[in-house]
Structure formats: C-alpha cells, structure tokens
Amino acid sequence: MKFTSTIKVMGMKYSKGTMDNGLAFDSTKVFVETELDSSKETAMGSACVEYGLGKADEYQKYKHLADALPFMAHAEMEIVTNGKTQKTVIHSLKPVEMTKAGAAGGKHVAT
C-alpha cells in the first residue's frame, strides 16, 4: 500500500560496509517524529521512529540539510509485508520549504 505523508525528519544516518562474515550492508535510515498512541491514556507526546530509505547513497542527497534539522518533508511511503509482519518504508523525500522559520516545528529549508 503506497501513500504520501508530510513528516518531520529529526535525523538521518547511513551504514555501508562488510561484516566480518563477508555479508555486505548498505542502507539509509530516517528518524521521523511520530505521535504516541494516547487512546488508552497511557502515553502522550511523540517519539522518533526509524524508517528505511534505500541505500547509503540516499543520505548524500540530504547531507546539505544537516543545519536545517529538524525539517518537514513530503514522503512517498509504502507498507509492505512478508505475510507475517509489516513495515513501512520511505521511497522518496522532498523537503518542504517553510514560509516561516520554525513553522510547524520545522525549520526553513532551501530546496
């Protein structure tokens, strides 16, 4: 299931290399502010949730935004499953240019 969402990007990191056993790893992770489930009145506020965003080279596309963190972005996302568990992945991010610095908790981002 694919969808588009406006998200608040709190941070990003990439990993690339080879483990001792020879297996290669190559990924970018995006940390997104996500509201906690307050429906049972046992939680309030928000937390950061980690989502995958492709390979390590994706990180380089957003590296110049380090000083703009956190920033708002339009994300193309998809919920995928292996039949037992599901996860949400991000396929693309497009930073939103804010009209005012600090609007909606994000900073002005030049795209």
C-alpha atoms as a PDB file:
ATOM      1  CA  MET A   1       0.000   0.000   0.000  1.00  0.00           C
ATOM      2  CA  LYS A   2       1.593   3.255  -1.173  1.00  0.00           C
ATOM      3  CA  PHE A   3       0.768   6.675   0.263  1.00  0.00           C
ATOM      4  CA  THR A   4       2.149  10.179   0.676  1.00  0.00           C
ATOM      5  CA  SER A   5       2.604  11.842   4.051  1.00  0.00           C
ATOM      6  CA  THR A   6       4.081  15.055   5.386  1.00  0.00           C
ATOM      7  CA  ILE A   7       6.650  14.103   8.033  1.00  0.00           C
ATOM      8  CA  LYS A   8       9.046  15.804  10.426  1.00  0.00           C
ATOM      9  CA  VAL A   9      12.556  14.474   9.827  1.00  0.00           C
ATOM     10  CA  MET A  10      14.508  14.551  13.088  1.00  0.00           C
ATOM     11  CA  GLY A  11      17.666  12.877  11.809  1.00  0.00           C
ATOM     12  CA  MET A  12      19.255  10.552   9.260  1.00  0.00           C
ATOM     13  CA  LYS A  13      22.141   8.097   9.180  1.00  0.00           C
ATOM     14  CA  TYR A  14      23.678   5.707   6.737  1.00  0.00           C
ATOM     15  CA  SER A  15      25.626   2.483   7.067  1.00  0.00           C
ATOM     16  CA  LYS A  16      27.740   0.827   4.415  1.00  0.00           C
ATOM     17  CA  GLY A  17      30.381  -1.836   4.609  1.00  0.00           C
ATOM     18  CA  THR A  18      31.043  -5.510   5.075  1.00  0.00           C
ATOM     19  CA  MET A  19      30.573  -7.572   8.229  1.00  0.00           C
ATOM     20  CA  ASP A  20      33.241  -9.972   9.495  1.00  0.00           C
ATOM     21  CA  ASN A  21      31.361 -12.874   7.901  1.00  0.00           C
ATOM     22  CA  GLY A  22      31.535 -11.226   4.457  1.00  0.00           C
ATOM     23  CA  LEU A  23      27.919 -10.050   4.266  1.00  0.00           C
ATOM     24  CA  ALA A  24      27.567  -6.551   2.822  1.00  0.00           C
ATOM     25  CA  PHE A  25      25.285  -3.904   4.318  1.00  0.00           C
ATOM     26  CA  ASP A  26      24.149  -0.674   2.682  1.00  0.00           C
ATOM     27  CA  SER A  27      21.260   1.434   3.999  1.00  0.00           C
ATOM     28  CA  THR A  28      19.961   4.851   4.968  1.00  0.00           C
ATOM     29  CA  LYS A  29      17.666   5.303   7.966  1.00  0.00           C
ATOM     30  CA  VAL A  30      15.389   8.296   8.538  1.00  0.00           C
ATOM     31  CA  PHE A  31      14.219   9.170  12.049  1.00  0.00           C
ATOM     32  CA  VAL A  32      10.715  10.649  11.997  1.00  0.00           C
ATOM     33  CA  GLU A  33       8.773  12.306  14.806  1.00  0.00           C
ATOM     34  CA  THR A  34       5.668  10.174  15.373  1.00  0.00           C
ATOM     35  CA  GLU A  35       2.790  10.729  17.811  1.00  0.00           C
ATOM     36  CA  LEU A  36       2.456   8.187  20.592  1.00  0.00           C
ATOM     37  CA  ASP A  37      -0.848   6.325  20.871  1.00  0.00           C
ATOM     38  CA  SER A  38      -2.779   8.253  23.516  1.00  0.00           C
ATOM     39  CA  SER A  39      -6.083   6.389  23.005  1.00  0.00           C
ATOM     40  CA  LYS A  40      -5.682   4.424  26.253  1.00  0.00           C
ATOM     41  CA  GLU A  41      -4.377   7.469  28.134  1.00  0.00           C
ATOM     42  CA  THR A  42      -1.109   5.674  28.956  1.00  0.00           C
ATOM     43  CA  ALA A  43       1.088   7.785  26.676  1.00  0.00           C
ATOM     44  CA  MET A  44       1.381  11.346  25.422  1.00  0.00           C
ATOM     45  CA  GLY A  45       3.635  13.298  23.133  1.00  0.00           C
ATOM     46  CA  SER A  46       5.845  11.858  20.433  1.00  0.00           C
ATOM     47  CA  ALA A  47       8.831   9.637  19.762  1.00  0.00           C
ATOM     48  CA  CYS A  48      11.216   9.074  16.864  1.00  0.00           C
ATOM     49  CA  VAL A  49      10.554   6.088  14.629  1.00  0.00           C
ATOM     50  CA  GLU A  50      13.185   4.668  12.277  1.00  0.00           C
ATOM     51  CA  TYR A  51      12.254   4.089   8.623  1.00  0.00           C
ATOM     52  CA  GLY A  52      14.370   2.716   5.787  1.00  0.00           C
ATOM     53  CA  LEU A  53      15.193   4.942   2.807  1.00  0.00           C
ATOM     54  CA  GLY A  54      17.132   2.808   0.358  1.00  0.00           C
ATOM     55  CA  LYS A  55      20.888   2.546   0.159  1.00  0.00           C
ATOM     56  CA  ALA A  56      23.625   4.702   1.685  1.00  0.00           C
ATOM     57  CA  ASP A  57      23.817   6.980  -1.365  1.00  0.00           C
ATOM     58  CA  GLU A  58      20.341   8.337  -0.485  1.00  0.00           C
ATOM     59  CA  TYR A  59      21.881  10.002   2.594  1.00  0.00           C
ATOM     60  CA  GLN A  60      24.153  12.101   0.366  1.00  0.00           C
ATOM     61  CA  LYS A  61      21.110  13.752  -1.264  1.00  0.00           C
ATOM     62  CA  TYR A  62      20.116  15.293   2.084  1.00  0.00           C
ATOM     63  CA  LYS A  63      23.518  15.829   3.711  1.00  0.00           C
ATOM     64  CA  HIS A  64      23.370  19.577   2.954  1.00  0.00           C
ATOM     65  CA  LEU A  65      20.283  19.847   5.194  1.00  0.00           C
ATOM     66  CA  ALA A  66      22.173  18.977   8.404  1.00  0.00           C
ATOM     67  CA  ASP A  67      21.850  22.539   9.734  1.00  0.00           C
ATOM     68  CA  ALA A  68      18.116  22.590   8.885  1.00  0.00           C
ATOM     69  CA  LEU A  69      17.225  19.631  11.137  1.00  0.00           C
ATOM     70  CA  PRO A  70      14.518  19.031  12.044  1.00  0.00           C
ATOM     71  CA  PHE A  71      12.776  19.710   8.726  1.00  0.00           C
ATOM     72  CA  MET A  72       9.399  18.922   7.213  1.00  0.00           C
ATOM     73  CA  ALA A  73       9.225  16.774   4.080  1.00  0.00           C
ATOM     74  CA  HIS A  74       6.717  15.142   1.790  1.00  0.00           C
ATOM     75  CA  ALA A  75       7.430  11.415   1.874  1.00  0.00           C
ATOM     76  CA  GLU A  76       6.342   8.744  -0.566  1.00  0.00           C
ATOM     77  CA  MET A  77       5.883   5.719   1.684  1.00  0.00           C
ATOM     78  CA  GLU A  78       4.741   2.131   1.395  1.00  0.00           C
ATOM     79  CA  ILE A  79       3.544  -0.502   3.837  1.00  0.00           C
ATOM     80  CA  VAL A  80       4.996  -3.899   2.889  1.00  0.00           C
ATOM     81  CA  THR A  81       4.705  -7.343   4.444  1.00  0.00           C
ATOM     82  CA  ASN A  82       6.323 -10.760   4.318  1.00  0.00           C
ATOM     83  CA  GLY A  83       2.987 -12.346   5.212  1.00  0.00           C
ATOM     84  CA  LYS A  84       3.564 -12.294   8.971  1.00  0.00           C
ATOM     85  CA  THR A  85       4.909  -8.860   9.826  1.00  0.00           C
ATOM     86  CA  GLN A  86       4.637  -5.492   8.162  1.00  0.00           C
ATOM     87  CA  LYS A  87       6.898  -2.474   7.949  1.00  0.00           C
ATOM     88  CA  THR A  88       6.743   0.976   6.443  1.00  0.00           C
ATOM     89  CA  VAL A  89       9.479   2.127   4.082  1.00  0.00           C
ATOM     90  CA  ILE A  90      10.154   5.545   2.602  1.00  0.00           C
ATOM     91  CA  HIS A  91      10.755   5.617  -1.154  1.00  0.00           C
ATOM     92  CA  SER A  92      11.468   9.326  -1.507  1.00  0.00           C
ATOM     93  CA  LEU A  93      11.659  12.571   0.463  1.00  0.00           C
ATOM     94  CA  LYS A  94      11.025  16.076  -0.779  1.00  0.00           C
ATOM     95  CA  PRO A  95      11.837  18.774   1.790  1.00  0.00           C
ATOM     96  CA  VAL A  96       9.063  21.322   2.260  1.00  0.00           C
ATOM     97  CA  GLU A  97      10.058  24.957   2.064  1.00  0.00           C
ATOM     98  CA  MET A  98       8.544  26.589   5.120  1.00  0.00           C
ATOM     99  CA  THR A  99       7.033  30.057   4.833  1.00  0.00           C
ATOM    100  CA  LYS A 100       8.251  30.968   8.317  1.00  0.00           C
ATOM    101  CA  ALA A 101      11.311  29.675  10.123  1.00  0.00           C
ATOM    102  CA  GLY A 102      10.122  27.330  12.820  1.00  0.00           C
ATOM    103  CA  ALA A 103       6.623  26.848  11.384  1.00  0.00           C
ATOM    104  CA  ALA A 104       5.084  23.509  12.395  1.00  0.00           C
ATOM    105  CA  GLY A 105       8.151  22.743  14.483  1.00  0.00           C
ATOM    106  CA  GLY A 106      10.435  22.560  11.464  1.00  0.00           C
ATOM    107  CA  LYS A 107      12.974  25.000  10.110  1.00  0.00           C
ATOM    108  CA  HIS A 108      13.168  26.884   6.820  1.00  0.00           C
ATOM    109  CA  VAL A 109      14.657  24.575   4.206  1.00  0.00           C
ATOM    110  CA  ALA A 110      16.080  25.774   0.934  1.00  0.00           C
ATOM    111  CA  THR A 111      15.415  23.058  -1.642  1.00  0.00           C
END
